[in-house]
Amino acid sequence: MIEHHDLHHEFPEMGEQIRELKMKDRHFARLFDEYHDIDREVRKIEEQVEAASDERLEELKLRRLHLKDELYGMLKQATAEA
């Protein structure tokens, strides 16, 4: 079974902050969109809908992880400021 890695699954307790930052912070919104585009691509590869080399899949997963860390940091900061 393929795991869902969208931010609402990753950080269910931060749903409100995710929605708020998507509307108010263009940088967050851009990173959020990039994260979800990469996550979608990874799922397609894992579900064998799309072909890709192992190296490409690992690159995508690594980029997704870095984006998730950056987005989480922004969410934590927004939570602390609220």
PDB file of N, CA and C in Angstrom:
ATOM      1  N   MET A   1       0.837  -1.197   0.000  1.00  0.00           N
ATOM      2  CA  MET A   1       0.000   0.000   0.000  1.00  0.00           C
ATOM      3  C   MET A   1       0.879   1.258   0.000  1.00  0.00           C
ATOM      4  N   ILE A   2       0.520   2.215  -0.809  1.00  0.00           N
ATOM      5  CA  ILE A   2       1.266   3.460  -0.932  1.00  0.00           C
ATOM      6  C   ILE A   2       0.810   4.422   0.161  1.00  0.00           C
ATOM      7  N   GLU A   3       1.787   4.973   0.885  1.00  0.00           N
ATOM      8  CA  GLU A   3       1.468   5.925   1.946  1.00  0.00           C
ATOM      9  C   GLU A   3       1.173   7.299   1.368  1.00  0.00           C
ATOM     10  N   HIS A   4       0.278   8.016   2.028  1.00  0.00           N
ATOM     11  CA  HIS A   4       0.000   9.394   1.644  1.00  0.00           C
ATOM     12  C   HIS A   4       0.923  10.296   2.449  1.00  0.00           C
ATOM     13  N   HIS A   5       1.579  11.202   1.756  1.00  0.00           N
ATOM     14  CA  HIS A   5       2.509  12.106   2.430  1.00  0.00           C
ATOM     15  C   HIS A   5       2.075  13.562   2.324  1.00  0.00           C
ATOM     16  N   ASP A   6       0.819  13.815   1.919  1.00  0.00           N
ATOM     17  CA  ASP A   6       0.412  15.215   1.843  1.00  0.00           C
ATOM     18  C   ASP A   6       0.478  15.819   3.247  1.00  0.00           C
ATOM     19  N   LEU A   7       0.640  17.124   3.305  1.00  0.00           N
ATOM     20  CA  LEU A   7       0.891  17.784   4.594  1.00  0.00           C
ATOM     21  C   LEU A   7      -0.237  17.591   5.589  1.00  0.00           C
ATOM     22  N   HIS A   8      -1.477  17.479   5.121  1.00  0.00           N
ATOM     23  CA  HIS A   8      -2.585  17.281   6.056  1.00  0.00           C
ATOM     24  C   HIS A   8      -2.504  15.904   6.716  1.00  0.00           C
ATOM     25  N   HIS A   9      -1.943  14.904   6.024  1.00  0.00           N
ATOM     26  CA  HIS A   9      -1.715  13.596   6.637  1.00  0.00           C
ATOM     27  C   HIS A   9      -0.488  13.627   7.545  1.00  0.00           C
ATOM     28  N   GLU A  10       0.534  14.360   7.115  1.00  0.00           N
ATOM     29  CA  GLU A  10       1.775  14.426   7.887  1.00  0.00           C
ATOM     30  C   GLU A  10       1.597  15.208   9.191  1.00  0.00           C
ATOM     31  N   PHE A  11       0.852  16.304   9.129  1.00  0.00           N
ATOM     32  CA  PHE A  11       0.677  17.185  10.288  1.00  0.00           C
ATOM     33  C   PHE A  11      -0.807  17.490  10.505  1.00  0.00           C
ATOM     34  N   PRO A  12      -1.607  16.492  10.871  1.00  0.00           N
ATOM     35  CA  PRO A  12      -3.057  16.722  11.000  1.00  0.00           C
ATOM     36  C   PRO A  12      -3.407  17.782  12.046  1.00  0.00           C
ATOM     37  N   GLU A  13      -2.563  17.936  13.049  1.00  0.00           N
ATOM     38  CA  GLU A  13      -2.837  18.907  14.102  1.00  0.00           C
ATOM     39  C   GLU A  13      -2.590  20.347  13.645  1.00  0.00           C
ATOM     40  N   MET A  14      -2.000  20.515  12.462  1.00  0.00           N
ATOM     41  CA  MET A  14      -1.664  21.855  11.974  1.00  0.00           C
ATOM     42  C   MET A  14      -2.516  22.272  10.771  1.00  0.00           C
ATOM     43  N   GLY A  15      -3.658  21.654  10.603  1.00  0.00           N
ATOM     44  CA  GLY A  15      -4.511  21.950   9.456  1.00  0.00           C
ATOM     45  C   GLY A  15      -4.858  23.419   9.320  1.00  0.00           C
ATOM     46  N   GLU A  16      -5.183  24.045  10.442  1.00  0.00           N
ATOM     47  CA  GLU A  16      -5.558  25.466  10.413  1.00  0.00           C
ATOM     48  C   GLU A  16      -4.374  26.332   9.998  1.00  0.00           C
ATOM     49  N   GLN A  17      -3.191  26.050  10.546  1.00  0.00           N
ATOM     50  CA  GLN A  17      -2.006  26.821  10.183  1.00  0.00           C
ATOM     51  C   GLN A  17      -1.654  26.631   8.705  1.00  0.00           C
ATOM     52  N   ILE A  18      -1.821  25.408   8.200  1.00  0.00           N
ATOM     53  CA  ILE A  18      -1.531  25.135   6.787  1.00  0.00           C
ATOM     54  C   ILE A  18      -2.437  25.997   5.909  1.00  0.00           C
ATOM     55  N   ARG A  19      -3.730  25.986   6.200  1.00  0.00           N
ATOM     56  CA  ARG A  19      -4.682  26.784   5.414  1.00  0.00           C
ATOM     57  C   ARG A  19      -4.350  28.278   5.489  1.00  0.00           C
ATOM     58  N   GLU A  20      -4.049  28.747   6.697  1.00  0.00           N
ATOM     59  CA  GLU A  20      -3.768  30.166   6.890  1.00  0.00           C
ATOM     60  C   GLU A  20      -2.502  30.586   6.149  1.00  0.00           C
ATOM     61  N   LEU A  21      -1.445  29.806   6.281  1.00  0.00           N
ATOM     62  CA  LEU A  21      -0.189  30.153   5.617  1.00  0.00           C
ATOM     63  C   LEU A  21      -0.318  30.083   4.098  1.00  0.00           C
ATOM     64  N   LYS A  22      -1.096  29.117   3.594  1.00  0.00           N
ATOM     65  CA  LYS A  22      -1.291  29.022   2.143  1.00  0.00           C
ATOM     66  C   LYS A  22      -1.920  30.305   1.605  1.00  0.00           C
ATOM     67  N   MET A  23      -2.796  30.915   2.371  1.00  0.00           N
ATOM     68  CA  MET A  23      -3.475  32.128   1.926  1.00  0.00           C
ATOM     69  C   MET A  23      -2.630  33.381   2.141  1.00  0.00           C
ATOM     70  N   LYS A  24      -1.837  33.419   3.212  1.00  0.00           N
ATOM     71  CA  LYS A  24      -1.156  34.659   3.601  1.00  0.00           C
ATOM     72  C   LYS A  24       0.313  34.721   3.197  1.00  0.00           C
ATOM     73  N   ASP A  25       0.949  33.596   2.974  1.00  0.00           N
ATOM     74  CA  ASP A  25       2.397  33.572   2.746  1.00  0.00           C
ATOM     75  C   ASP A  25       2.683  32.953   1.374  1.00  0.00           C
ATOM     76  N   ARG A  26       3.084  33.802   0.426  1.00  0.00           N
ATOM     77  CA  ARG A  26       3.302  33.311  -0.948  1.00  0.00           C
ATOM     78  C   ARG A  26       4.441  32.303  -1.013  1.00  0.00           C
ATOM     79  N   HIS A  27       5.490  32.514  -0.226  1.00  0.00           N
ATOM     80  CA  HIS A  27       6.613  31.567  -0.214  1.00  0.00           C
ATOM     81  C   HIS A  27       6.146  30.198   0.282  1.00  0.00           C
ATOM     82  N   PHE A  28       5.381  30.192   1.367  1.00  0.00           N
ATOM     83  CA  PHE A  28       4.843  28.931   1.883  1.00  0.00           C
ATOM     84  C   PHE A  28       3.968  28.265   0.831  1.00  0.00           C
ATOM     85  N   ALA A  29       3.096  29.040   0.194  1.00  0.00           N
ATOM     86  CA  ALA A  29       2.182  28.488  -0.813  1.00  0.00           C
ATOM     87  C   ALA A  29       2.957  27.866  -1.968  1.00  0.00           C
ATOM     88  N   ARG A  30       4.049  28.514  -2.396  1.00  0.00           N
ATOM     89  CA  ARG A  30       4.861  27.988  -3.492  1.00  0.00           C
ATOM     90  C   ARG A  30       5.532  26.673  -3.083  1.00  0.00           C
ATOM     91  N   LEU A  31       6.104  26.656  -1.876  1.00  0.00           N
ATOM     92  CA  LEU A  31       6.739  25.429  -1.386  1.00  0.00           C
ATOM     93  C   LEU A  31       5.701  24.319  -1.196  1.00  0.00           C
ATOM     94  N   PHE A  32       4.531  24.686  -0.683  1.00  0.00           N
ATOM     95  CA  PHE A  32       3.442  23.735  -0.490  1.00  0.00           C
ATOM     96  C   PHE A  32       3.077  23.091  -1.829  1.00  0.00           C
ATOM     97  N   ASP A  33       2.909  23.913  -2.868  1.00  0.00           N
ATOM     98  CA  ASP A  33       2.563  23.389  -4.186  1.00  0.00           C
ATOM     99  C   ASP A  33       3.661  22.492  -4.739  1.00  0.00           C
ATOM    100  N   GLU A  34       4.911  22.913  -4.574  1.00  0.00           N
ATOM    101  CA  GLU A  34       6.036  22.093  -5.051  1.00  0.00           C
ATOM    102  C   GLU A  34       6.064  20.753  -4.312  1.00  0.00           C
ATOM    103  N   TYR A  35       5.862  20.802  -2.996  1.00  0.00           N
ATOM    104  CA  TYR A  35       5.835  19.579  -2.186  1.00  0.00           C
ATOM    105  C   TYR A  35       4.775  18.617  -2.720  1.00  0.00           C
ATOM    106  N   HIS A  36       3.586  19.124  -2.967  1.00  0.00           N
ATOM    107  CA  HIS A  36       2.494  18.256  -3.411  1.00  0.00           C
ATOM    108  C   HIS A  36       2.694  17.757  -4.843  1.00  0.00           C
ATOM    109  N   ASP A  37       3.305  18.573  -5.697  1.00  0.00           N
ATOM    110  CA  ASP A  37       3.628  18.107  -7.050  1.00  0.00           C
ATOM    111  C   ASP A  37       4.620  16.949  -6.990  1.00  0.00           C
ATOM    112  N   ILE A  38       5.639  17.091  -6.155  1.00  0.00           N
ATOM    113  CA  ILE A  38       6.641  16.029  -6.009  1.00  0.00           C
ATOM    114  C   ILE A  38       6.009  14.795  -5.394  1.00  0.00           C
ATOM    115  N   ASP A  39       5.179  14.983  -4.381  1.00  0.00           N
ATOM    116  CA  ASP A  39       4.518  13.842  -3.738  1.00  0.00           C
ATOM    117  C   ASP A  39       3.662  13.076  -4.743  1.00  0.00           C
ATOM    118  N   ARG A  40       2.939  13.806  -5.581  1.00  0.00           N
ATOM    119  CA  ARG A  40       2.115  13.171  -6.613  1.00  0.00           C
ATOM    120  C   ARG A  40       2.978  12.363  -7.584  1.00  0.00           C
ATOM    121  N   GLU A  41       4.114  12.948  -7.977  1.00  0.00           N
ATOM    122  CA  GLU A  41       5.019  12.257  -8.899  1.00  0.00           C
ATOM    123  C   GLU A  41       5.593  10.986  -8.266  1.00  0.00           C
ATOM    124  N   VAL A  42       5.975  11.068  -6.992  1.00  0.00           N
ATOM    125  CA  VAL A  42       6.496   9.892  -6.277  1.00  0.00           C
ATOM    126  C   VAL A  42       5.437   8.799  -6.233  1.00  0.00           C
ATOM    127  N   ARG A  43       4.201   9.164  -5.917  1.00  0.00           N
ATOM    128  CA  ARG A  43       3.125   8.162  -5.859  1.00  0.00           C
ATOM    129  C   ARG A  43       2.911   7.492  -7.208  1.00  0.00           C
ATOM    130  N   LYS A  44       2.943   8.282  -8.295  1.00  0.00           N
ATOM    131  CA  LYS A  44       2.775   7.704  -9.631  1.00  0.00           C
ATOM    132  C   LYS A  44       3.876   6.688  -9.929  1.00  0.00           C
ATOM    133  N   ILE A  45       5.095   7.010  -9.532  1.00  0.00           N
ATOM    134  CA  ILE A  45       6.218   6.096  -9.757  1.00  0.00           C
ATOM    135  C   ILE A  45       6.038   4.845  -8.903  1.00  0.00           C
ATOM    136  N   GLU A  46       5.694   5.040  -7.628  1.00  0.00           N
ATOM    137  CA  GLU A  46       5.525   3.891  -6.728  1.00  0.00           C
ATOM    138  C   GLU A  46       4.356   2.999  -7.148  1.00  0.00           C
ATOM    139  N   GLU A  47       3.326   3.609  -7.742  1.00  0.00           N
ATOM    140  CA  GLU A  47       2.173   2.829  -8.213  1.00  0.00           C
ATOM    141  C   GLU A  47       2.405   2.275  -9.617  1.00  0.00           C
ATOM    142  N   GLN A  48       3.594   2.543 -10.146  1.00  0.00           N
ATOM    143  CA  GLN A  48       4.013   2.076 -11.468  1.00  0.00           C
ATOM    144  C   GLN A  48       3.139   2.636 -12.585  1.00  0.00           C
ATOM    145  N   VAL A  49       2.579   3.813 -12.358  1.00  0.00           N
ATOM    146  CA  VAL A  49       1.836   4.520 -13.393  1.00  0.00           C
ATOM    147  C   VAL A  49       2.845   5.225 -14.301  1.00  0.00           C
ATOM    148  N   GLU A  50       3.956   5.640 -13.685  1.00  0.00           N
ATOM    149  CA  GLU A  50       5.017   6.333 -14.399  1.00  0.00           C
ATOM    150  C   GLU A  50       6.319   5.584 -14.168  1.00  0.00           C
ATOM    151  N   ALA A  51       7.138   5.518 -15.203  1.00  0.00           N
ATOM    152  CA  ALA A  51       8.444   4.867 -15.079  1.00  0.00           C
ATOM    153  C   ALA A  51       9.491   5.897 -14.675  1.00  0.00           C
ATOM    154  N   ALA A  52      10.432   5.467 -13.860  1.00  0.00           N
ATOM    155  CA  ALA A  52      11.550   6.328 -13.466  1.00  0.00           C
ATOM    156  C   ALA A  52      12.655   5.450 -12.914  1.00  0.00           C
ATOM    157  N   SER A  53      13.864   5.945 -13.011  1.00  0.00           N
ATOM    158  CA  SER A  53      14.992   5.199 -12.450  1.00  0.00           C
ATOM    159  C   SER A  53      14.936   5.274 -10.927  1.00  0.00           C
ATOM    160  N   ASP A  54      15.606   4.352 -10.277  1.00  0.00           N
ATOM    161  CA  ASP A  54      15.687   4.382  -8.814  1.00  0.00           C
ATOM    162  C   ASP A  54      16.321   5.692  -8.348  1.00  0.00           C
ATOM    163  N   GLU A  55      17.312   6.165  -9.106  1.00  0.00           N
ATOM    164  CA  GLU A  55      17.979   7.413  -8.737  1.00  0.00           C
ATOM    165  C   GLU A  55      16.996   8.579  -8.771  1.00  0.00           C
ATOM    166  N   ARG A  56      16.169   8.626  -9.807  1.00  0.00           N
ATOM    167  CA  ARG A  56      15.177   9.698  -9.927  1.00  0.00           C
ATOM    168  C   ARG A  56      14.186   9.648  -8.765  1.00  0.00           C
ATOM    169  N   LEU A  57      13.724   8.449  -8.437  1.00  0.00           N
ATOM    170  CA  LEU A  57      12.789   8.298  -7.326  1.00  0.00           C
ATOM    171  C   LEU A  57      13.435   8.764  -6.027  1.00  0.00           C
ATOM    172  N   GLU A  58      14.685   8.390  -5.789  1.00  0.00           N
ATOM    173  CA  GLU A  58      15.375   8.809  -4.560  1.00  0.00           C
ATOM    174  C   GLU A  58      15.576  10.319  -4.526  1.00  0.00           C
ATOM    175  N   GLU A  59      15.896  10.933  -5.681  1.00  0.00           N
ATOM    176  CA  GLU A  59      16.033  12.394  -5.748  1.00  0.00           C
ATOM    177  C   GLU A  59      14.725  13.063  -5.349  1.00  0.00           C
ATOM    178  N   LEU A  60      13.629  12.566  -5.900  1.00  0.00           N
ATOM    179  CA  LEU A  60      12.318  13.141  -5.590  1.00  0.00           C
ATOM    180  C   LEU A  60      11.981  12.988  -4.110  1.00  0.00           C
ATOM    181  N   LYS A  61      12.241  11.820  -3.556  1.00  0.00           N
ATOM    182  CA  LYS A  61      11.939  11.594  -2.134  1.00  0.00           C
ATOM    183  C   LYS A  61      12.783  12.503  -1.247  1.00  0.00           C
ATOM    184  N   LEU A  62      14.049  12.699  -1.621  1.00  0.00           N
ATOM    185  CA  LEU A  62      14.927  13.563  -0.843  1.00  0.00           C
ATOM    186  C   LEU A  62      14.444  15.011  -0.909  1.00  0.00           C
ATOM    187  N   ARG A  63      14.063  15.469  -2.106  1.00  0.00           N
ATOM    188  CA  ARG A  63      13.550  16.830  -2.261  1.00  0.00           C
ATOM    189  C   ARG A  63      12.260  16.992  -1.458  1.00  0.00           C
ATOM    190  N   ARG A  64      11.395  15.977  -1.493  1.00  0.00           N
ATOM    191  CA  ARG A  64      10.138  16.026  -0.730  1.00  0.00           C
ATOM    192  C   ARG A  64      10.442  16.152   0.767  1.00  0.00           C
ATOM    193  N   LEU A  65      11.417  15.406   1.242  1.00  0.00           N
ATOM    194  CA  LEU A  65      11.787  15.459   2.656  1.00  0.00           C
ATOM    195  C   LEU A  65      12.306  16.840   3.040  1.00  0.00           C
ATOM    196  N   HIS A  66      13.165  17.427   2.205  1.00  0.00           N
ATOM    197  CA  HIS A  66      13.686  18.763   2.496  1.00  0.00           C
ATOM    198  C   HIS A  66      12.564  19.792   2.520  1.00  0.00           C
ATOM    199  N   LEU A  67      11.653  19.689   1.563  1.00  0.00           N
ATOM    200  CA  LEU A  67      10.518  20.609   1.547  1.00  0.00           C
ATOM    201  C   LEU A  67       9.645  20.436   2.779  1.00  0.00           C
ATOM    202  N   LYS A  68       9.412  19.193   3.167  1.00  0.00           N
ATOM    203  CA  LYS A  68       8.582  18.930   4.357  1.00  0.00           C
ATOM    204  C   LYS A  68       9.226  19.553   5.593  1.00  0.00           C
ATOM    205  N   ASP A  69      10.544  19.409   5.716  1.00  0.00           N
ATOM    206  CA  ASP A  69      11.246  20.005   6.859  1.00  0.00           C
ATOM    207  C   ASP A  69      11.110  21.528   6.863  1.00  0.00           C
ATOM    208  N   GLU A  70      11.263  22.131   5.679  1.00  0.00           N
ATOM    209  CA  GLU A  70      11.160  23.582   5.589  1.00  0.00           C
ATOM    210  C   GLU A  70       9.736  24.046   5.895  1.00  0.00           C
ATOM    211  N   LEU A  71       8.758  23.361   5.341  1.00  0.00           N
ATOM    212  CA  LEU A  71       7.362  23.713   5.598  1.00  0.00           C
ATOM    213  C   LEU A  71       7.010  23.530   7.074  1.00  0.00           C
ATOM    214  N   TYR A  72       7.503  22.453   7.677  1.00  0.00           N
ATOM    215  CA  TYR A  72       7.230  22.214   9.098  1.00  0.00           C
ATOM    216  C   TYR A  72       7.824  23.335   9.951  1.00  0.00           C
ATOM    217  N   GLY A  73       9.036  23.764   9.601  1.00  0.00           N
ATOM    218  CA  GLY A  73       9.649  24.871  10.329  1.00  0.00           C
ATOM    219  C   GLY A  73       8.817  26.133  10.239  1.00  0.00           C
ATOM    220  N   MET A  74       8.287  26.406   9.061  1.00  0.00           N
ATOM    221  CA  MET A  74       7.438  27.586   8.876  1.00  0.00           C
ATOM    222  C   MET A  74       6.138  27.447   9.666  1.00  0.00           C
ATOM    223  N   LEU A  75       5.579  26.232   9.703  1.00  0.00           N
ATOM    224  CA  LEU A  75       4.352  25.990  10.465  1.00  0.00           C
ATOM    225  C   LEU A  75       4.606  26.164  11.965  1.00  0.00           C
ATOM    226  N   LYS A  76       5.726  25.630  12.445  1.00  0.00           N
ATOM    227  CA  LYS A  76       6.051  25.780  13.870  1.00  0.00           C
ATOM    228  C   LYS A  76       6.226  27.237  14.244  1.00  0.00           C
ATOM    229  N   GLN A  77       6.880  27.979  13.383  1.00  0.00           N
ATOM    230  CA  GLN A  77       7.092  29.399  13.648  1.00  0.00           C
ATOM    231  C   GLN A  77       5.755  30.139  13.671  1.00  0.00           C
ATOM    232  N   ALA A  78       4.883  29.832  12.739  1.00  0.00           N
ATOM    233  CA  ALA A  78       3.562  30.479  12.695  1.00  0.00           C
ATOM    234  C   ALA A  78       2.760  30.134  13.935  1.00  0.00           C
ATOM    235  N   THR A  79       2.883  28.885  14.399  1.00  0.00           N
ATOM    236  CA  THR A  79       2.180  28.457  15.607  1.00  0.00           C
ATOM    237  C   THR A  79       2.697  29.192  16.824  1.00  0.00           C
ATOM    238  N   ALA A  80       4.029  29.364  16.908  1.00  0.00           N
ATOM    239  CA  ALA A  80       4.630  30.045  18.037  1.00  0.00           C
ATOM    240  C   ALA A  80       4.244  31.527  18.073  1.00  0.00           C
ATOM    241  N   GLU A  81       4.047  32.114  16.882  1.00  0.00           N
ATOM    242  CA  GLU A  81       3.693  33.533  16.804  1.00  0.00           C
ATOM    243  C   GLU A  81       2.213  33.781  17.024  1.00  0.00           C
ATOM    244  N   ALA A  82       1.408  32.728  16.930  1.00  0.00           N
ATOM    245  CA  ALA A  82      -0.052  32.891  17.055  1.00  0.00           C
ATOM    246  C   ALA A  82      -0.471  33.115  18.488  1.00  0.00           C
TER     247      ALA A  82
END
